Amino acid sequence: MGRRPGIDRISSNDLTLLATDRGQVPMHMAAVLMFDAGAAPSLAELTAALGERIARVPRLRRRLVPSPPGFGRPVWVDDAAFSLPRHLSEGAVSGGRGDLLREAARLACERLPKDQPLWKARLVRAADGGGAALVFVAHHVMADGLGGLAVLSALGDDRSELDDDRPGPGAAPVLQAPLPTPPAPAFPQPGPTPRELLADAWRERLRALANTPRALATAARGLRELGLTRRHRTHAEATTSFNRPTGSIRSVRTVALPLKEALDAAHARGCTLNDLVLVAVSGALASTLRSRGEAHRSFVVSVPITPRGPREATTLGNINGIVPTEVPADPDPAVRLARVLEQAGNRSGPSRGASVGPLGVAFRALARAGVFQHFIDRQRLVTTFLTNVRGPAEPIHLAGHRIASIVPITMTPGNVGVCFAVLSYAGELVVSVIADPAVVPEQDELTRILADELDTLAKT
């Protein structure tokens, strides 16, 4: 792209994440890597394995440094003081899987030091013999969900090749390989000089000016993707009693089912796996809210989408847009699915992810005005979020030990009391239910209903 090698500058979408990271919970993502029972590595084994491989992902040893005013967006530079033990630790919990997830959620809610690479990992063992997990937490500015999986694959023992087939509409790219690993330069590399930063910033500005007509057309497509144009406007009731300002605590529950079973059910209905989960989530929300005495006509589920193909799946940074999808609260899943399929065109085509542009402009403007948190705590546009990433088809091994399952965790600020993260990995589909327990105290019941909804959809 004409940029000097060695200048790793964040994108405008990454800048939006930094500008809007003002809530009770940080803009983090996490993955809980569950090892086979009784077969977890020791901290020494993990340290040795990661120490050998961390050079494969340069950003893991880089910290984010602001540029002087007028010199462009912040850049990633090698952290000369990087030390793996500062980021990798171990601990124990007194119970089993539930306590492992509780600890993972606690770690995901802790802010990372800004003067270090923005990630941490902890090997957590369950004292009652309930297994062990490596909890990996990173700031979202480092990578989106797909990039985060690429990082984990790069650190694993096994290597494979990317699938050449592009995923169908509504699906995320399939990640089947780690990041490319060219020979690592000597560490640490010096950061760019002020002169190099300024020259790079002006080259980028000139490119942006030359691309103005294309950018305007993309912005128009982005408004359509967001459902904000007259023709494609989303008419739905977004606010429920789950939508009130959230606090600094999150809890995680999961539903798991065989991936093939879920895919077969989706194909039988002529929809994507993401559509199927959307239908189940809306059914679970409607049922739980009815128990609160609320009757809603529909919900708005914000679905992140990416323009990446499989060959861009290992690129770090964030280029996701979102599509607000209206899903009826009707008890009949067929009614819910029909409405979801009516909107499928908003989530497919060459303009996938175009909404990232207008969203970024609007959110950064709110942040500069100092009113973003006020807006996000009171927004009436979105009921919940559903993130779906397709991970490796084969198990990852780390330090010679198989990762049996991966639980995704996403942090949602503002007034969204519960959100959902979906990950397929090694033949298993895991749906995480992430909630503020003060806003959604019936999280266990919501999760049980979601499991029933998915089971019904998979078997009928």
Protein backbone atom coordinates (compact mmCIF):
# COMPACT_ATOMS: atom_id res chain seq x y z
CA MET A 1 0.00 0.00 0.00
CA GLY A 2 3.00 2.32 -0.30
CA ARG A 3 3.65 2.42 3.43
CA ARG A 4 7.20 2.22 4.71
CA PRO A 5 7.91 -1.29 6.01
CA GLY A 6 8.04 -1.21 9.76
CA ILE A 7 5.34 1.43 10.28
CA ASP A 8 2.48 -0.50 11.85
CA ARG A 9 -0.19 2.20 12.10
CA ILE A 10 -3.66 1.48 13.44
CA SER A 11 -6.64 1.85 11.12
CA SER A 12 -9.46 4.37 11.45
CA ASN A 13 -11.66 1.55 12.75
CA ASP A 14 -9.06 0.75 15.42
CA LEU A 15 -8.99 4.46 16.30
CA THR A 16 -12.75 4.32 16.86
CA LEU A 17 -12.26 1.50 19.37
CA LEU A 18 -9.71 3.56 21.30
CA ALA A 19 -11.82 6.72 21.23
CA THR A 20 -14.92 4.94 22.53
CA ASP A 21 -13.24 2.78 25.19
CA ARG A 22 -14.72 4.76 28.06
CA GLY A 23 -17.24 2.38 29.61
CA GLN A 24 -17.43 0.35 32.81
CA VAL A 25 -15.89 -2.62 30.99
CA PRO A 26 -12.90 -2.29 28.64
CA MET A 27 -13.07 -3.07 24.92
CA HIS A 28 -11.54 -6.51 25.36
CA MET A 29 -12.08 -9.89 23.78
CA ALA A 30 -11.10 -13.18 25.35
CA ALA A 31 -10.83 -16.85 24.51
CA VAL A 32 -10.92 -19.63 27.08
CA LEU A 33 -8.85 -22.52 25.74
CA MET A 34 -10.09 -25.63 27.55
CA PHE A 35 -7.54 -28.45 27.64
CA ASP A 36 -8.44 -32.12 27.70
CA ALA A 37 -9.23 -33.24 31.25
CA GLY A 38 -6.07 -34.08 33.16
CA ALA A 39 -3.83 -33.16 30.24
CA ALA A 40 -2.96 -29.47 30.66
CA PRO A 41 0.61 -28.22 30.24
CA SER A 42 2.61 -26.74 33.08
CA LEU A 43 3.38 -23.03 33.18
CA ALA A 44 7.01 -23.87 32.34
CA GLU A 45 5.93 -25.82 29.24
CA LEU A 46 3.66 -22.99 28.12
CA THR A 47 6.37 -20.40 28.70
CA ALA A 48 8.86 -22.40 26.64
CA ALA A 49 6.39 -22.95 23.77
CA LEU A 50 5.16 -19.37 23.61
CA GLY A 51 8.67 -18.02 24.00
CA GLU A 52 9.70 -19.87 20.85
CA ARG A 53 6.67 -18.79 18.81
CA ILE A 54 5.80 -15.29 19.94
CA ALA A 55 7.99 -13.79 17.21
CA ARG A 56 5.44 -15.18 14.70
CA VAL A 57 3.01 -12.45 15.84
CA PRO A 58 5.02 -9.21 16.08
CA ARG A 59 2.13 -7.28 17.59
CA LEU A 60 2.31 -9.41 20.75
CA ARG A 61 5.61 -7.69 21.54
CA ARG A 62 4.53 -4.20 20.50
CA ARG A 63 2.94 -1.40 22.48
CA LEU A 64 0.71 1.31 21.08
CA VAL A 65 2.31 4.77 20.91
CA PRO A 66 0.40 7.99 20.07
CA SER A 67 1.77 10.08 17.22
CA PRO A 68 2.33 13.81 17.69
CA PRO A 69 -0.57 16.04 16.57
CA GLY A 70 -0.70 16.12 12.78
CA PHE A 71 1.52 13.04 12.41
CA GLY A 72 -1.29 10.56 11.87
CA ARG A 73 -2.84 7.79 13.89
CA PRO A 74 -1.01 5.89 16.68
CA VAL A 75 1.55 3.24 15.73
CA TRP A 76 2.62 -0.11 17.11
CA VAL A 77 6.30 -0.16 18.07
CA ASP A 78 8.46 -2.91 19.55
CA ASP A 79 8.48 -2.84 23.35
CA ALA A 80 12.15 -3.06 24.30
CA ALA A 81 11.11 -3.98 27.85
CA PHE A 82 8.89 -6.87 26.73
CA SER A 83 9.00 -9.87 29.05
CA LEU A 84 6.76 -12.90 28.60
CA PRO A 85 6.34 -13.48 32.38
CA ARG A 86 4.73 -10.02 32.62
CA HIS A 87 1.92 -11.30 30.40
CA LEU A 88 1.71 -15.00 31.26
CA SER A 89 0.76 -16.23 34.74
CA GLU A 90 -1.07 -19.06 36.45
CA GLY A 91 -3.73 -19.46 39.11
CA ALA A 92 -6.35 -21.81 40.47
CA VAL A 93 -10.07 -21.83 41.21
CA SER A 94 -11.81 -23.90 43.87
CA GLY A 95 -14.54 -25.37 41.66
CA GLY A 96 -14.92 -26.70 38.14
CA ARG A 97 -15.82 -25.36 34.68
CA GLY A 98 -18.20 -22.73 36.06
CA ASP A 99 -15.46 -21.27 38.22
CA LEU A 100 -13.03 -21.33 35.28
CA LEU A 101 -15.49 -19.24 33.26
CA ARG A 102 -16.09 -16.92 36.20
CA GLU A 103 -12.34 -16.29 36.46
CA ALA A 104 -12.10 -15.78 32.70
CA ALA A 105 -14.85 -13.15 32.80
CA ARG A 106 -13.12 -11.39 35.70
CA LEU A 107 -9.84 -11.27 33.80
CA ALA A 108 -11.59 -9.95 30.67
CA CYS A 109 -13.07 -7.08 32.70
CA GLU A 110 -9.67 -5.92 34.04
CA ARG A 111 -8.04 -3.10 32.10
CA LEU A 112 -4.65 -3.80 30.55
CA PRO A 113 -1.66 -1.49 31.19
CA LYS A 114 -1.40 0.96 28.29
CA ASP A 115 2.40 1.11 28.42
CA GLN A 116 2.76 -2.59 27.52
CA PRO A 117 1.55 -4.87 24.71
CA LEU A 118 -2.20 -5.05 25.11
CA TRP A 119 -2.72 -8.69 26.06
CA LYS A 120 -2.36 -11.16 28.91
CA ALA A 121 -2.84 -14.90 29.42
CA ARG A 122 -3.37 -16.98 32.54
CA LEU A 123 -3.24 -20.73 32.98
CA VAL A 124 -6.11 -21.50 35.36
CA ARG A 125 -6.56 -24.89 37.02
CA ALA A 126 -9.71 -26.17 38.69
CA ALA A 127 -8.83 -27.50 42.15
CA ASP A 128 -11.52 -30.19 42.08
CA GLY A 129 -10.00 -31.89 39.04
CA GLY A 130 -12.40 -30.16 36.69
CA GLY A 131 -9.69 -29.41 34.16
CA ALA A 132 -7.59 -26.44 33.20
CA ALA A 133 -7.77 -23.62 30.70
CA LEU A 134 -5.58 -20.92 29.24
CA VAL A 135 -7.46 -17.62 29.35
CA PHE A 136 -6.20 -15.27 26.62
CA VAL A 137 -7.33 -11.62 26.85
CA ALA A 138 -6.50 -8.87 24.36
CA HIS A 139 -7.67 -5.35 23.70
CA HIS A 140 -9.92 -5.22 20.66
CA VAL A 141 -7.63 -2.65 19.04
CA MET A 142 -5.07 -5.44 18.58
CA ALA A 143 -7.34 -7.62 16.45
CA ASP A 144 -10.95 -8.52 15.78
CA GLY A 145 -12.29 -11.98 16.54
CA LEU A 146 -10.96 -13.58 13.39
CA GLY A 147 -7.55 -12.01 13.88
CA GLY A 148 -7.55 -13.18 17.49
CA LEU A 149 -8.03 -16.75 16.33
CA ALA A 150 -5.19 -16.29 13.87
CA VAL A 151 -2.97 -15.31 16.79
CA LEU A 152 -3.95 -18.42 18.73
CA SER A 153 -3.31 -20.62 15.69
CA ALA A 154 0.11 -19.04 15.18
CA LEU A 155 1.06 -19.89 18.75
CA GLY A 156 -0.16 -23.48 18.45
CA ASP A 157 1.85 -26.60 17.61
CA ASP A 158 0.14 -27.48 14.34
CA ARG A 159 0.22 -25.72 10.98
CA SER A 160 -2.15 -26.09 8.01
CA GLU A 161 -3.27 -24.25 4.90
CA LEU A 162 -6.07 -21.80 4.26
CA ASP A 163 -9.22 -23.01 2.54
CA ASP A 164 -9.48 -21.46 -0.92
CA ASP A 165 -13.29 -21.43 -0.93
CA ARG A 166 -14.96 -18.14 -0.07
CA PRO A 167 -17.69 -18.49 2.56
CA GLY A 168 -21.32 -18.05 1.57
CA PRO A 169 -23.50 -15.04 2.39
CA GLY A 170 -23.88 -14.29 6.06
CA ALA A 171 -20.92 -16.43 7.08
CA ALA A 172 -17.56 -15.40 8.47
CA PRO A 173 -14.33 -16.41 6.71
CA VAL A 174 -13.04 -19.80 7.76
CA LEU A 175 -9.73 -19.69 9.56
CA GLN A 176 -7.75 -22.86 9.05
CA ALA A 177 -4.19 -21.55 9.27
CA PRO A 178 -2.06 -19.37 11.51
CA LEU A 179 -0.50 -16.09 10.58
CA PRO A 180 2.21 -16.19 7.89
CA THR A 181 5.64 -16.37 9.49
CA PRO A 182 8.39 -14.65 7.51
CA PRO A 183 11.82 -14.61 9.12
CA ALA A 184 11.60 -12.46 12.24
CA PRO A 185 13.82 -9.36 12.28
CA ALA A 186 16.05 -8.65 15.23
CA PHE A 187 14.11 -7.51 18.27
CA PRO A 188 13.52 -4.77 19.19
CA GLN A 189 13.37 -2.75 15.99
CA PRO A 190 13.57 1.04 16.34
CA GLY A 191 10.31 2.90 15.93
CA PRO A 192 9.70 5.29 13.03
CA THR A 193 11.25 8.75 13.25
CA PRO A 194 9.03 11.86 13.37
CA ARG A 195 10.02 12.61 9.77
CA GLU A 196 8.99 9.12 8.63
CA LEU A 197 5.72 9.36 10.54
CA LEU A 198 4.87 12.73 9.00
CA ALA A 199 5.71 11.56 5.47
CA ASP A 200 3.63 8.41 5.95
CA ALA A 201 0.70 10.44 7.30
CA TRP A 202 0.72 12.77 4.29
CA ARG A 203 0.91 9.88 1.85
CA GLU A 204 -2.15 8.42 3.53
CA ARG A 205 -4.01 11.74 3.37
CA LEU A 206 -3.27 12.11 -0.33
CA ARG A 207 -4.48 8.57 -0.99
CA ALA A 208 -7.66 9.31 0.95
CA LEU A 209 -8.23 12.49 -1.08
CA ALA A 210 -7.78 10.61 -4.34
CA ASN A 211 -10.24 7.95 -3.15
CA THR A 212 -12.94 10.43 -2.08
CA PRO A 213 -15.52 9.43 -4.76
CA ARG A 214 -15.12 5.76 -3.91
CA ALA A 215 -15.30 6.54 -0.17
CA LEU A 216 -18.57 8.44 -0.62
CA ALA A 217 -20.07 5.52 -2.55
CA THR A 218 -18.92 3.12 0.15
CA ALA A 219 -20.44 5.34 2.83
CA ALA A 220 -23.79 5.25 1.01
CA ARG A 221 -23.62 1.45 0.97
CA GLY A 222 -22.71 1.56 4.64
CA LEU A 223 -25.88 3.52 5.48
CA ARG A 224 -27.85 0.85 3.64
CA GLU A 225 -26.06 -1.88 5.60
CA LEU A 226 -26.96 -0.10 8.84
CA GLY A 227 -30.62 0.02 7.82
CA LEU A 228 -30.64 3.83 7.81
CA THR A 229 -31.78 4.50 4.26
CA ARG A 230 -35.48 5.03 3.50
CA ARG A 231 -35.72 1.81 1.51
CA HIS A 232 -33.83 -0.39 3.97
CA ARG A 233 -34.77 1.23 7.28
CA THR A 234 -35.03 -1.20 10.18
CA HIS A 235 -38.32 -0.77 12.03
CA ALA A 236 -38.09 -2.63 15.29
CA GLU A 237 -38.41 -2.25 19.02
CA ALA A 238 -34.87 -2.25 20.38
CA THR A 239 -35.38 -1.35 24.04
CA THR A 240 -36.21 -3.95 26.68
CA SER A 241 -35.60 -4.20 30.42
CA PHE A 242 -32.27 -5.82 29.47
CA ASN A 243 -31.27 -2.47 27.98
CA ARG A 244 -30.12 -0.27 30.81
CA PRO A 245 -26.64 1.01 31.77
CA THR A 246 -24.35 -1.86 32.66
CA GLY A 247 -21.67 -2.13 35.35
CA SER A 248 -18.14 -3.47 35.55
CA ILE A 249 -18.92 -7.18 36.02
CA ARG A 250 -19.75 -9.84 33.45
CA SER A 251 -20.61 -13.51 33.79
CA VAL A 252 -20.46 -16.21 31.14
CA ARG A 253 -22.62 -19.25 30.41
CA THR A 254 -22.31 -21.54 27.40
CA VAL A 255 -24.35 -23.79 25.16
CA ALA A 256 -22.55 -26.39 23.04
CA LEU A 257 -23.78 -28.70 20.29
CA PRO A 258 -22.26 -30.71 17.44
CA LEU A 259 -21.35 -28.41 14.56
CA LYS A 260 -22.52 -30.84 11.88
CA GLU A 261 -25.94 -31.10 13.50
CA ALA A 262 -26.33 -27.32 13.47
CA LEU A 263 -25.04 -26.97 9.90
CA ASP A 264 -27.37 -29.69 8.64
CA ALA A 265 -30.31 -27.94 10.30
CA ALA A 266 -29.36 -24.61 8.72
CA HIS A 267 -28.91 -26.12 5.26
CA ALA A 268 -32.27 -27.91 5.54
CA ARG A 269 -33.91 -24.51 6.13
CA GLY A 270 -32.01 -22.74 3.37
CA CYS A 271 -30.22 -20.41 5.78
CA THR A 272 -26.79 -19.88 7.28
CA LEU A 273 -25.63 -21.05 10.66
CA ASN A 274 -25.65 -17.43 11.79
CA ASP A 275 -29.31 -17.12 10.77
CA LEU A 276 -30.15 -20.22 12.79
CA VAL A 277 -28.48 -18.82 15.91
CA LEU A 278 -30.23 -15.47 15.39
CA VAL A 279 -33.57 -17.27 15.43
CA ALA A 280 -32.67 -19.17 18.61
CA VAL A 281 -31.36 -16.07 20.40
CA SER A 282 -34.51 -14.08 19.64
CA GLY A 283 -36.67 -16.94 20.90
CA ALA A 284 -34.69 -17.14 24.14
CA LEU A 285 -34.88 -13.35 24.65
CA ALA A 286 -38.63 -13.30 24.00
CA SER A 287 -39.35 -16.16 26.38
CA THR A 288 -37.19 -14.74 29.18
CA LEU A 289 -38.68 -11.27 28.86
CA ARG A 290 -42.22 -12.70 28.85
CA SER A 291 -41.43 -14.13 32.27
CA ARG A 292 -40.78 -10.52 33.33
CA GLY A 293 -44.21 -9.57 32.05
CA GLU A 294 -42.90 -7.93 28.87
CA ALA A 295 -44.41 -8.52 25.44
CA HIS A 296 -42.21 -7.32 22.60
CA ARG A 297 -42.99 -7.37 18.91
CA SER A 298 -39.39 -7.72 17.76
CA PHE A 299 -35.75 -7.18 18.65
CA VAL A 300 -32.77 -5.61 16.88
CA VAL A 301 -29.70 -7.84 16.90
CA SER A 302 -26.46 -6.18 15.81
CA VAL A 303 -24.42 -8.64 13.73
CA PRO A 304 -20.77 -7.79 12.97
CA ILE A 305 -19.74 -8.70 9.44
CA THR A 306 -16.42 -8.49 7.63
CA PRO A 307 -15.42 -7.92 4.01
CA ARG A 308 -12.47 -10.25 4.51
CA GLY A 309 -12.08 -13.32 2.40
CA PRO A 310 -10.19 -16.34 3.72
CA ARG A 311 -6.89 -15.00 2.37
CA GLU A 312 -7.29 -11.87 4.52
CA ALA A 313 -8.42 -13.86 7.56
CA THR A 314 -5.06 -13.60 9.28
CA THR A 315 -4.75 -9.81 8.98
CA LEU A 316 -4.76 -8.12 12.37
CA GLY A 317 -6.70 -4.97 13.15
CA ASN A 318 -10.43 -4.31 12.78
CA ILE A 319 -12.39 -3.87 9.56
CA ASN A 320 -15.78 -5.11 10.70
CA GLY A 321 -19.04 -3.39 9.94
CA ILE A 322 -22.35 -4.20 11.57
CA VAL A 323 -25.81 -5.03 10.30
CA PRO A 324 -28.80 -4.41 12.58
CA THR A 325 -31.16 -7.33 11.97
CA GLU A 326 -34.78 -7.21 13.01
CA VAL A 327 -35.99 -10.50 14.46
CA PRO A 328 -39.62 -11.00 15.54
CA ALA A 329 -40.42 -12.14 19.07
CA ASP A 330 -42.99 -14.56 17.63
CA PRO A 331 -43.08 -17.98 19.37
CA ASP A 332 -42.93 -19.70 15.96
CA PRO A 333 -39.28 -20.05 14.83
CA ALA A 334 -40.44 -20.26 11.20
CA VAL A 335 -41.84 -16.73 11.44
CA ARG A 336 -38.60 -15.48 12.95
CA LEU A 337 -36.49 -17.17 10.28
CA ALA A 338 -38.61 -15.82 7.43
CA ARG A 339 -37.99 -12.25 8.61
CA VAL A 340 -34.27 -12.89 9.04
CA LEU A 341 -34.03 -14.26 5.50
CA GLU A 342 -35.82 -11.18 4.12
CA GLN A 343 -32.86 -9.13 5.35
CA ALA A 344 -30.13 -11.52 4.16
CA GLY A 345 -29.17 -9.19 1.30
CA ASN A 346 -27.96 -6.58 3.81
CA ARG A 347 -25.33 -9.05 5.06
CA SER A 348 -23.93 -10.20 1.71
CA GLY A 349 -22.46 -8.89 -1.52
CA PRO A 350 -19.33 -6.93 -2.39
CA SER A 351 -20.14 -4.11 0.09
CA ARG A 352 -19.97 -6.35 3.17
CA GLY A 353 -18.64 -4.34 6.09
CA ALA A 354 -19.18 -0.94 4.42
CA SER A 355 -20.92 0.34 7.57
CA VAL A 356 -17.54 0.60 9.31
CA GLY A 357 -16.99 4.02 7.66
CA PRO A 358 -20.11 5.92 8.77
CA LEU A 359 -20.08 4.22 12.16
CA GLY A 360 -16.51 5.30 12.79
CA VAL A 361 -17.17 8.90 11.81
CA ALA A 362 -20.25 9.12 14.04
CA PHE A 363 -18.69 7.40 17.06
CA ARG A 364 -15.45 9.39 16.94
CA ALA A 365 -17.45 12.62 16.71
CA LEU A 366 -19.46 11.64 19.78
CA ALA A 367 -16.24 10.75 21.62
CA ARG A 368 -14.60 14.08 20.74
CA ALA A 369 -17.69 15.89 22.02
CA GLY A 370 -17.45 13.92 25.27
CA VAL A 371 -20.97 12.46 24.92
CA PHE A 372 -20.30 8.97 23.57
CA GLN A 373 -20.84 7.22 26.91
CA HIS A 374 -24.04 9.20 27.49
CA PHE A 375 -25.24 8.08 24.05
CA ILE A 376 -24.24 4.43 24.39
CA ASP A 377 -25.82 4.17 27.87
CA ARG A 378 -29.15 5.38 26.46
CA GLN A 379 -29.17 4.15 22.86
CA ARG A 380 -32.41 2.71 21.50
CA LEU A 381 -31.05 1.22 18.28
CA VAL A 382 -29.83 -2.23 19.36
CA THR A 383 -31.24 -4.88 21.73
CA THR A 384 -28.23 -7.18 21.72
CA PHE A 385 -25.11 -8.22 19.81
CA LEU A 386 -24.35 -11.55 18.16
CA THR A 387 -20.76 -12.23 17.05
CA ASN A 388 -20.04 -15.35 15.00
CA VAL A 389 -16.56 -16.61 14.04
CA ARG A 390 -15.69 -19.87 12.35
CA GLY A 391 -12.50 -21.27 13.79
CA PRO A 392 -10.15 -24.11 12.86
CA ALA A 393 -11.78 -27.35 11.76
CA GLU A 394 -9.03 -29.39 13.44
CA PRO A 395 -7.94 -29.16 17.08
CA ILE A 396 -5.10 -26.84 18.04
CA HIS A 397 -2.33 -28.27 20.22
CA LEU A 398 -0.36 -26.05 22.55
CA ALA A 399 2.86 -27.23 24.21
CA GLY A 400 1.95 -30.77 23.18
CA HIS A 401 -1.52 -30.68 24.76
CA ARG A 402 -4.81 -30.67 22.83
CA ILE A 403 -7.23 -27.80 23.22
CA ALA A 404 -10.56 -29.59 23.47
CA SER A 405 -12.86 -26.57 23.35
CA ILE A 406 -12.72 -22.78 22.96
CA VAL A 407 -15.15 -20.43 24.68
CA PRO A 408 -15.35 -16.92 23.15
CA ILE A 409 -15.99 -13.87 25.33
CA THR A 410 -16.81 -10.39 24.06
CA MET A 411 -17.25 -7.21 26.09
CA THR A 412 -20.21 -4.98 25.26
CA PRO A 413 -20.33 -1.53 26.87
CA GLY A 414 -23.33 0.74 27.23
CA ASN A 415 -26.86 -0.43 27.92
CA VAL A 416 -26.76 -3.90 26.36
CA GLY A 417 -27.19 -6.22 29.33
CA VAL A 418 -26.62 -9.47 27.47
CA CYS A 419 -24.80 -10.37 24.28
CA PHE A 420 -23.86 -13.57 22.48
CA ALA A 421 -20.61 -14.87 20.96
CA VAL A 422 -20.54 -17.90 18.67
CA LEU A 423 -17.51 -19.97 17.73
CA SER A 424 -17.20 -23.20 15.80
CA TYR A 425 -14.08 -25.20 16.53
CA ALA A 426 -13.04 -28.80 15.90
CA GLY A 427 -16.57 -30.03 15.20
CA GLU A 428 -18.22 -28.18 18.11
CA LEU A 429 -20.40 -25.08 18.11
CA VAL A 430 -20.18 -23.00 21.29
CA VAL A 431 -22.56 -20.13 22.01
CA SER A 432 -21.46 -17.93 24.90
CA VAL A 433 -24.05 -15.90 26.80
CA ILE A 434 -22.24 -12.90 28.31
CA ALA A 435 -24.29 -10.79 30.71
CA ASP A 436 -24.15 -8.22 33.46
CA PRO A 437 -25.59 -10.26 36.35
CA ALA A 438 -27.16 -7.13 37.88
CA VAL A 439 -29.14 -6.51 34.68
CA VAL A 440 -29.85 -10.16 33.77
CA PRO A 441 -29.99 -12.14 37.03
CA GLU A 442 -31.89 -14.92 35.22
CA GLN A 443 -28.90 -15.66 32.97
CA ASP A 444 -29.04 -19.38 33.79
CA GLU A 445 -32.68 -19.59 32.69
CA LEU A 446 -31.95 -17.59 29.54
CA THR A 447 -29.13 -19.98 28.70
CA ARG A 448 -31.34 -23.02 29.32
CA ILE A 449 -34.02 -21.63 27.00
CA LEU A 450 -31.40 -20.88 24.35
CA ALA A 451 -30.18 -24.49 24.57
CA ASP A 452 -33.77 -25.71 24.12
CA GLU A 453 -34.28 -23.40 21.13
CA LEU A 454 -31.10 -24.62 19.44
CA ASP A 455 -31.98 -28.24 20.19
CA THR A 456 -35.45 -27.80 18.69
CA LEU A 457 -34.09 -26.13 15.57
CA ALA A 458 -31.41 -28.81 15.15
CA LYS A 459 -33.83 -31.72 15.42
CA THR A 460 -36.93 -30.58 13.56
